[in-house]
Amino acid sequence: MWQTDDGQVTKYNLAYINHLVCRADNGRVLGYDNSHDFHHRHFMGKVEAIEFKDFETLASRFRDEVQELWKKEQ
């Protein structure tokens, strides 16, 4: 995560990587970032645009989704 001196997030990249679960997208099972000038979600090799409210909300969503994925993997 990159942010300005006043704490505003300008660039971010959240990723859960597990090559045993997903071989596509360099092993990225789930990820969120704002590269390529738009906010988007990676899931099992597919990319989709998302609505972005703020980084804290997105980070919470990411944590929740990863925890659900871990439950399914066990």
PDB file of N, CA and C in Angstrom:
ATOM      1  N   MET A   1       0.846  -1.157   0.000  1.00  0.00           N
ATOM      2  CA  MET A   1       0.000   0.000   0.000  1.00  0.00           C
ATOM      3  C   MET A   1       0.901   1.232   0.000  1.00  0.00           C
ATOM      4  N   TRP A   2       0.567   2.183  -0.824  1.00  0.00           N
ATOM      5  CA  TRP A   2       1.273   3.451  -0.886  1.00  0.00           C
ATOM      6  C   TRP A   2       0.294   4.544  -0.457  1.00  0.00           C
ATOM      7  N   GLN A   3       0.796   5.485   0.337  1.00  0.00           N
ATOM      8  CA  GLN A   3      -0.075   6.561   0.772  1.00  0.00           C
ATOM      9  C   GLN A   3       0.673   7.885   0.825  1.00  0.00           C
ATOM     10  N   THR A   4      -0.115   8.966   0.815  1.00  0.00           N
ATOM     11  CA  THR A   4       0.442  10.307   0.883  1.00  0.00           C
ATOM     12  C   THR A   4       0.845  10.611   2.323  1.00  0.00           C
ATOM     13  N   ASP A   5       1.520  11.717   2.516  1.00  0.00           N
ATOM     14  CA  ASP A   5       1.941  12.108   3.862  1.00  0.00           C
ATOM     15  C   ASP A   5       0.772  12.290   4.819  1.00  0.00           C
ATOM     16  N   ASP A   6      -0.393  12.645   4.277  1.00  0.00           N
ATOM     17  CA  ASP A   6      -1.571  12.832   5.139  1.00  0.00           C
ATOM     18  C   ASP A   6      -2.386  11.544   5.301  1.00  0.00           C
ATOM     19  N   GLY A   7      -1.896  10.411   4.794  1.00  0.00           N
ATOM     20  CA  GLY A   7      -2.528   9.122   5.016  1.00  0.00           C
ATOM     21  C   GLY A   7      -3.487   8.644   3.951  1.00  0.00           C
ATOM     22  N   GLN A   8      -3.655   9.373   2.866  1.00  0.00           N
ATOM     23  CA  GLN A   8      -4.557   8.952   1.797  1.00  0.00           C
ATOM     24  C   GLN A   8      -3.897   7.849   0.967  1.00  0.00           C
ATOM     25  N   VAL A   9      -4.596   6.732   0.812  1.00  0.00           N
ATOM     26  CA  VAL A   9      -4.070   5.612   0.031  1.00  0.00           C
ATOM     27  C   VAL A   9      -4.180   5.958  -1.448  1.00  0.00           C
ATOM     28  N   THR A  10      -3.047   5.881  -2.144  1.00  0.00           N
ATOM     29  CA  THR A  10      -3.027   6.214  -3.563  1.00  0.00           C
ATOM     30  C   THR A  10      -2.868   4.982  -4.453  1.00  0.00           C
ATOM     31  N   LYS A  11      -2.231   3.961  -3.927  1.00  0.00           N
ATOM     32  CA  LYS A  11      -1.993   2.744  -4.687  1.00  0.00           C
ATOM     33  C   LYS A  11      -1.995   1.578  -3.706  1.00  0.00           C
ATOM     34  N   TYR A  12      -2.572   0.463  -4.131  1.00  0.00           N
ATOM     35  CA  TYR A  12      -2.610  -0.694  -3.243  1.00  0.00           C
ATOM     36  C   TYR A  12      -2.583  -1.983  -4.051  1.00  0.00           C
ATOM     37  N   ASN A  13      -2.180  -3.045  -3.368  1.00  0.00           N
ATOM     38  CA  ASN A  13      -2.151  -4.368  -3.958  1.00  0.00           C
ATOM     39  C   ASN A  13      -2.300  -5.363  -2.817  1.00  0.00           C
ATOM     40  N   LEU A  14      -3.433  -6.037  -2.764  1.00  0.00           N
ATOM     41  CA  LEU A  14      -3.686  -7.070  -1.757  1.00  0.00           C
ATOM     42  C   LEU A  14      -3.754  -8.397  -2.494  1.00  0.00           C
ATOM     43  N   ALA A  15      -3.058  -9.403  -2.012  1.00  0.00           N
ATOM     44  CA  ALA A  15      -3.055 -10.672  -2.738  1.00  0.00           C
ATOM     45  C   ALA A  15      -2.927 -11.851  -1.801  1.00  0.00           C
ATOM     46  N   TYR A  16      -3.712 -12.875  -2.081  1.00  0.00           N
ATOM     47  CA  TYR A  16      -3.569 -14.187  -1.454  1.00  0.00           C
ATOM     48  C   TYR A  16      -3.056 -15.104  -2.551  1.00  0.00           C
ATOM     49  N   ILE A  17      -1.849 -15.616  -2.372  1.00  0.00           N
ATOM     50  CA  ILE A  17      -1.205 -16.454  -3.378  1.00  0.00           C
ATOM     51  C   ILE A  17      -1.026 -17.857  -2.813  1.00  0.00           C
ATOM     52  N   ASN A  18      -1.471 -18.845  -3.588  1.00  0.00           N
ATOM     53  CA  ASN A  18      -1.289 -20.237  -3.204  1.00  0.00           C
ATOM     54  C   ASN A  18      -1.242 -21.052  -4.493  1.00  0.00           C
ATOM     55  N   HIS A  19      -0.054 -21.446  -4.892  1.00  0.00           N
ATOM     56  CA  HIS A  19       0.136 -22.166  -6.154  1.00  0.00           C
ATOM     57  C   HIS A  19      -0.518 -23.545  -6.154  1.00  0.00           C
ATOM     58  N   LEU A  20      -0.823 -24.081  -4.971  1.00  0.00           N
ATOM     59  CA  LEU A  20      -1.497 -25.372  -4.905  1.00  0.00           C
ATOM     60  C   LEU A  20      -2.984 -25.240  -5.234  1.00  0.00           C
ATOM     61  N   VAL A  21      -3.544 -24.070  -5.043  1.00  0.00           N
ATOM     62  CA  VAL A  21      -4.964 -23.834  -5.289  1.00  0.00           C
ATOM     63  C   VAL A  21      -5.194 -23.269  -6.681  1.00  0.00           C
ATOM     64  N   CYS A  22      -4.295 -22.388  -7.124  1.00  0.00           N
ATOM     65  CA  CYS A  22      -4.476 -21.718  -8.414  1.00  0.00           C
ATOM     66  C   CYS A  22      -3.125 -21.579  -9.111  1.00  0.00           C
ATOM     67  N   ARG A  23      -3.032 -22.103 -10.287  1.00  0.00           N
ATOM     68  CA  ARG A  23      -1.785 -21.976 -11.051  1.00  0.00           C
ATOM     69  C   ARG A  23      -1.825 -20.779 -11.991  1.00  0.00           C
ATOM     70  N   ALA A  24      -3.010 -20.259 -12.271  1.00  0.00           N
ATOM     71  CA  ALA A  24      -3.149 -19.079 -13.136  1.00  0.00           C
ATOM     72  C   ALA A  24      -2.725 -17.830 -12.378  1.00  0.00           C
ATOM     73  N   ASP A  25      -2.447 -16.761 -13.103  1.00  0.00           N
ATOM     74  CA  ASP A  25      -2.180 -15.445 -12.502  1.00  0.00           C
ATOM     75  C   ASP A  25      -1.069 -15.502 -11.449  1.00  0.00           C
ATOM     76  N   ASN A  26      -0.026 -16.282 -11.735  1.00  0.00           N
ATOM     77  CA  ASN A  26       1.122 -16.432 -10.828  1.00  0.00           C
ATOM     78  C   ASN A  26       0.730 -16.940  -9.450  1.00  0.00           C
ATOM     79  N   GLY A  27      -0.303 -17.766  -9.389  1.00  0.00           N
ATOM     80  CA  GLY A  27      -0.724 -18.350  -8.123  1.00  0.00           C
ATOM     81  C   GLY A  27      -1.659 -17.483  -7.304  1.00  0.00           C
ATOM     82  N   ARG A  28      -2.084 -16.365  -7.859  1.00  0.00           N
ATOM     83  CA  ARG A  28      -2.958 -15.462  -7.110  1.00  0.00           C
ATOM     84  C   ARG A  28      -4.373 -16.037  -7.097  1.00  0.00           C
ATOM     85  N   VAL A  29      -4.783 -16.497  -5.924  1.00  0.00           N
ATOM     86  CA  VAL A  29      -6.132 -17.022  -5.739  1.00  0.00           C
ATOM     87  C   VAL A  29      -7.114 -15.863  -5.689  1.00  0.00           C
ATOM     88  N   LEU A  30      -6.756 -14.840  -4.915  1.00  0.00           N
ATOM     89  CA  LEU A  30      -7.605 -13.675  -4.717  1.00  0.00           C
ATOM     90  C   LEU A  30      -6.726 -12.451  -4.602  1.00  0.00           C
ATOM     91  N   GLY A  31      -7.147 -11.366  -5.196  1.00  0.00           N
ATOM     92  CA  GLY A  31      -6.384 -10.131  -5.071  1.00  0.00           C
ATOM     93  C   GLY A  31      -7.205  -8.921  -5.442  1.00  0.00           C
ATOM     94  N   TYR A  32      -6.806  -7.800  -4.894  1.00  0.00           N
ATOM     95  CA  TYR A  32      -7.406  -6.512  -5.225  1.00  0.00           C
ATOM     96  C   TYR A  32      -6.275  -5.527  -5.482  1.00  0.00           C
ATOM     97  N   ASP A  33      -6.425  -4.702  -6.496  1.00  0.00           N
ATOM     98  CA  ASP A  33      -5.453  -3.637  -6.711  1.00  0.00           C
ATOM     99  C   ASP A  33      -6.069  -2.549  -7.577  1.00  0.00           C
ATOM    100  N   ASN A  34      -5.330  -1.456  -7.700  1.00  0.00           N
ATOM    101  CA  ASN A  34      -5.803  -0.343  -8.531  1.00  0.00           C
ATOM    102  C   ASN A  34      -4.794   0.013  -9.611  1.00  0.00           C
ATOM    103  N   SER A  35      -4.066  -0.982 -10.061  1.00  0.00           N
ATOM    104  CA  SER A  35      -3.163  -0.744 -11.183  1.00  0.00           C
ATOM    105  C   SER A  35      -3.985  -0.615 -12.463  1.00  0.00           C
ATOM    106  N   HIS A  36      -3.382  -0.167 -13.509  1.00  0.00           N
ATOM    107  CA  HIS A  36      -4.051   0.026 -14.800  1.00  0.00           C
ATOM    108  C   HIS A  36      -5.175   1.063 -14.704  1.00  0.00           C
ATOM    109  N   ASP A  37      -5.082   1.956 -13.722  1.00  0.00           N
ATOM    110  CA  ASP A  37      -6.001   3.091 -13.564  1.00  0.00           C
ATOM    111  C   ASP A  37      -7.445   2.712 -13.245  1.00  0.00           C
ATOM    112  N   PHE A  38      -7.678   1.526 -12.667  1.00  0.00           N
ATOM    113  CA  PHE A  38      -9.017   1.217 -12.163  1.00  0.00           C
ATOM    114  C   PHE A  38      -8.925   0.192 -11.041  1.00  0.00           C
ATOM    115  N   HIS A  39      -9.930   0.193 -10.176  1.00  0.00           N
ATOM    116  CA  HIS A  39      -9.988  -0.733  -9.048  1.00  0.00           C
ATOM    117  C   HIS A  39     -10.559  -2.053  -9.559  1.00  0.00           C
ATOM    118  N   HIS A  40      -9.898  -3.159  -9.207  1.00  0.00           N
ATOM    119  CA  HIS A  40     -10.369  -4.442  -9.697  1.00  0.00           C
ATOM    120  C   HIS A  40     -10.004  -5.592  -8.768  1.00  0.00           C
ATOM    121  N   ARG A  41     -10.699  -6.708  -9.000  1.00  0.00           N
ATOM    122  CA  ARG A  41     -10.555  -7.920  -8.197  1.00  0.00           C
ATOM    123  C   ARG A  41     -10.057  -9.041  -9.101  1.00  0.00           C
ATOM    124  N   HIS A  42      -9.082  -9.781  -8.596  1.00  0.00           N
ATOM    125  CA  HIS A  42      -8.590 -10.981  -9.257  1.00  0.00           C
ATOM    126  C   HIS A  42      -9.134 -12.171  -8.476  1.00  0.00           C
ATOM    127  N   PHE A  43      -9.661 -13.166  -9.186  1.00  0.00           N
ATOM    128  CA  PHE A  43     -10.085 -14.387  -8.521  1.00  0.00           C
ATOM    129  C   PHE A  43      -9.880 -15.561  -9.466  1.00  0.00           C
ATOM    130  N   MET A  44      -8.968 -16.443  -9.073  1.00  0.00           N
ATOM    131  CA  MET A  44      -8.694 -17.679  -9.813  1.00  0.00           C
ATOM    132  C   MET A  44      -8.449 -17.416 -11.300  1.00  0.00           C
ATOM    133  N   GLY A  45      -7.665 -16.401 -11.601  1.00  0.00           N
ATOM    134  CA  GLY A  45      -7.283 -16.121 -12.978  1.00  0.00           C
ATOM    135  C   GLY A  45      -8.190 -15.171 -13.733  1.00  0.00           C
ATOM    136  N   LYS A  46      -9.295 -14.760 -13.115  1.00  0.00           N
ATOM    137  CA  LYS A  46     -10.213 -13.835 -13.777  1.00  0.00           C
ATOM    138  C   LYS A  46     -10.143 -12.470 -13.100  1.00  0.00           C
ATOM    139  N   VAL A  47     -10.402 -11.418 -13.875  1.00  0.00           N
ATOM    140  CA  VAL A  47     -10.337 -10.051 -13.363  1.00  0.00           C
ATOM    141  C   VAL A  47     -11.667  -9.363 -13.623  1.00  0.00           C
ATOM    142  N   GLU A  48     -12.157  -8.627 -12.607  1.00  0.00           N
ATOM    143  CA  GLU A  48     -13.393  -7.866 -12.760  1.00  0.00           C
ATOM    144  C   GLU A  48     -13.269  -6.526 -12.056  1.00  0.00           C
ATOM    145  N   ALA A  49     -13.864  -5.508 -12.627  1.00  0.00           N
ATOM    146  CA  ALA A  49     -13.877  -4.181 -12.006  1.00  0.00           C
ATOM    147  C   ALA A  49     -14.743  -4.221 -10.750  1.00  0.00           C
ATOM    148  N   ILE A  50     -14.393  -3.391  -9.767  1.00  0.00           N
ATOM    149  CA  ILE A  50     -15.176  -3.309  -8.528  1.00  0.00           C
ATOM    150  C   ILE A  50     -15.466  -1.855  -8.200  1.00  0.00           C
ATOM    151  N   GLU A  51     -16.481  -1.655  -7.376  1.00  0.00           N
ATOM    152  CA  GLU A  51     -16.731  -0.327  -6.824  1.00  0.00           C
ATOM    153  C   GLU A  51     -15.815  -0.150  -5.633  1.00  0.00           C
ATOM    154  N   PHE A  52     -15.209   1.007  -5.519  1.00  0.00           N
ATOM    155  CA  PHE A  52     -14.254   1.285  -4.449  1.00  0.00           C
ATOM    156  C   PHE A  52     -14.805   2.405  -3.579  1.00  0.00           C
ATOM    157  N   LYS A  53     -15.030   2.100  -2.289  1.00  0.00           N
ATOM    158  CA  LYS A  53     -15.481   3.111  -1.334  1.00  0.00           C
ATOM    159  C   LYS A  53     -14.270   3.742  -0.657  1.00  0.00           C
ATOM    160  N   ASP A  54     -13.479   2.897   0.020  1.00  0.00           N
ATOM    161  CA  ASP A  54     -12.246   3.337   0.656  1.00  0.00           C
ATOM    162  C   ASP A  54     -11.382   2.110   0.934  1.00  0.00           C
ATOM    163  N   PHE A  55     -10.118   2.339   1.224  1.00  0.00           N
ATOM    164  CA  PHE A  55      -9.192   1.229   1.393  1.00  0.00           C
ATOM    165  C   PHE A  55      -9.544   0.364   2.597  1.00  0.00           C
ATOM    166  N   GLU A  56      -9.974   0.967   3.694  1.00  0.00           N
ATOM    167  CA  GLU A  56     -10.291   0.209   4.901  1.00  0.00           C
ATOM    168  C   GLU A  56     -11.422  -0.785   4.646  1.00  0.00           C
ATOM    169  N   THR A  57     -12.449  -0.347   3.930  1.00  0.00           N
ATOM    170  CA  THR A  57     -13.559  -1.238   3.599  1.00  0.00           C
ATOM    171  C   THR A  57     -13.089  -2.378   2.708  1.00  0.00           C
ATOM    172  N   LEU A  58     -12.262  -2.050   1.729  1.00  0.00           N
ATOM    173  CA  LEU A  58     -11.748  -3.067   0.822  1.00  0.00           C
ATOM    174  C   LEU A  58     -10.842  -4.061   1.552  1.00  0.00           C
ATOM    175  N   ALA A  59      -9.985  -3.578   2.421  1.00  0.00           N
ATOM    176  CA  ALA A  59      -9.091  -4.464   3.171  1.00  0.00           C
ATOM    177  C   ALA A  59      -9.890  -5.421   4.054  1.00  0.00           C
ATOM    178  N   SER A  60     -10.966  -4.936   4.638  1.00  0.00           N
ATOM    179  CA  SER A  60     -11.837  -5.786   5.453  1.00  0.00           C
ATOM    180  C   SER A  60     -12.504  -6.857   4.588  1.00  0.00           C
ATOM    181  N   ARG A  61     -12.976  -6.462   3.418  1.00  0.00           N
ATOM    182  CA  ARG A  61     -13.585  -7.417   2.478  1.00  0.00           C
ATOM    183  C   ARG A  61     -12.577  -8.491   2.085  1.00  0.00           C
ATOM    184  N   PHE A  62     -11.352  -8.074   1.793  1.00  0.00           N
ATOM    185  CA  PHE A  62     -10.293  -9.007   1.414  1.00  0.00           C
ATOM    186  C   PHE A  62     -10.034 -10.014   2.539  1.00  0.00           C
ATOM    187  N   ARG A  63      -9.891  -9.525   3.771  1.00  0.00           N
ATOM    188  CA  ARG A  63      -9.654 -10.421   4.916  1.00  0.00           C
ATOM    189  C   ARG A  63     -10.787 -11.434   5.066  1.00  0.00           C
ATOM    190  N   ASP A  64     -12.028 -10.961   4.964  1.00  0.00           N
ATOM    191  CA  ASP A  64     -13.177 -11.855   5.093  1.00  0.00           C
ATOM    192  C   ASP A  64     -13.175 -12.931   4.008  1.00  0.00           C
ATOM    193  N   GLU A  65     -12.901 -12.531   2.782  1.00  0.00           N
ATOM    194  CA  GLU A  65     -12.891 -13.489   1.674  1.00  0.00           C
ATOM    195  C   GLU A  65     -11.776 -14.515   1.825  1.00  0.00           C
ATOM    196  N   VAL A  66     -10.608 -14.077   2.257  1.00  0.00           N
ATOM    197  CA  VAL A  66      -9.491 -15.009   2.452  1.00  0.00           C
ATOM    198  C   VAL A  66      -9.830 -16.008   3.553  1.00  0.00           C
ATOM    199  N   GLN A  67     -10.429 -15.547   4.628  1.00  0.00           N
ATOM    200  CA  GLN A  67     -10.801 -16.469   5.705  1.00  0.00           C
ATOM    201  C   GLN A  67     -11.798 -17.520   5.220  1.00  0.00           C
ATOM    202  N   GLU A  68     -12.756 -17.116   4.384  1.00  0.00           N
ATOM    203  CA  GLU A  68     -13.713 -18.068   3.815  1.00  0.00           C
ATOM    204  C   GLU A  68     -13.011 -19.072   2.900  1.00  0.00           C
ATOM    205  N   LEU A  69     -12.067 -18.594   2.111  1.00  0.00           N
ATOM    206  CA  LEU A  69     -11.314 -19.498   1.244  1.00  0.00           C
ATOM    207  C   LEU A  69     -10.519 -20.502   2.063  1.00  0.00           C
ATOM    208  N   TRP A  70      -9.904 -20.048   3.144  1.00  0.00           N
ATOM    209  CA  TRP A  70      -9.131 -20.964   4.007  1.00  0.00           C
ATOM    210  C   TRP A  70     -10.025 -22.046   4.602  1.00  0.00           C
ATOM    211  N   LYS A  71     -11.240 -21.673   4.992  1.00  0.00           N
ATOM    212  CA  LYS A  71     -12.172 -22.678   5.537  1.00  0.00           C
ATOM    213  C   LYS A  71     -12.456 -23.753   4.502  1.00  0.00           C
ATOM    214  N   LYS A  72     -12.648 -23.349   3.255  1.00  0.00           N
ATOM    215  CA  LYS A  72     -12.946 -24.299   2.193  1.00  0.00           C
ATOM    216  C   LYS A  72     -11.741 -25.180   1.856  1.00  0.00           C
ATOM    217  N   GLU A  73     -10.548 -24.643   2.049  1.00  0.00           N
ATOM    218  CA  GLU A  73      -9.328 -25.397   1.711  1.00  0.00           C
ATOM    219  C   GLU A  73      -8.997 -26.452   2.745  1.00  0.00           C
ATOM    220  N   GLN A  74      -9.527 -26.313   3.946  1.00  0.00           N
ATOM    221  CA  GLN A  74      -9.195 -27.275   5.022  1.00  0.00           C
ATOM    222  C   GLN A  74      -9.933 -28.540   4.911  1.00  0.00           C
TER     223      GLN A  74
END
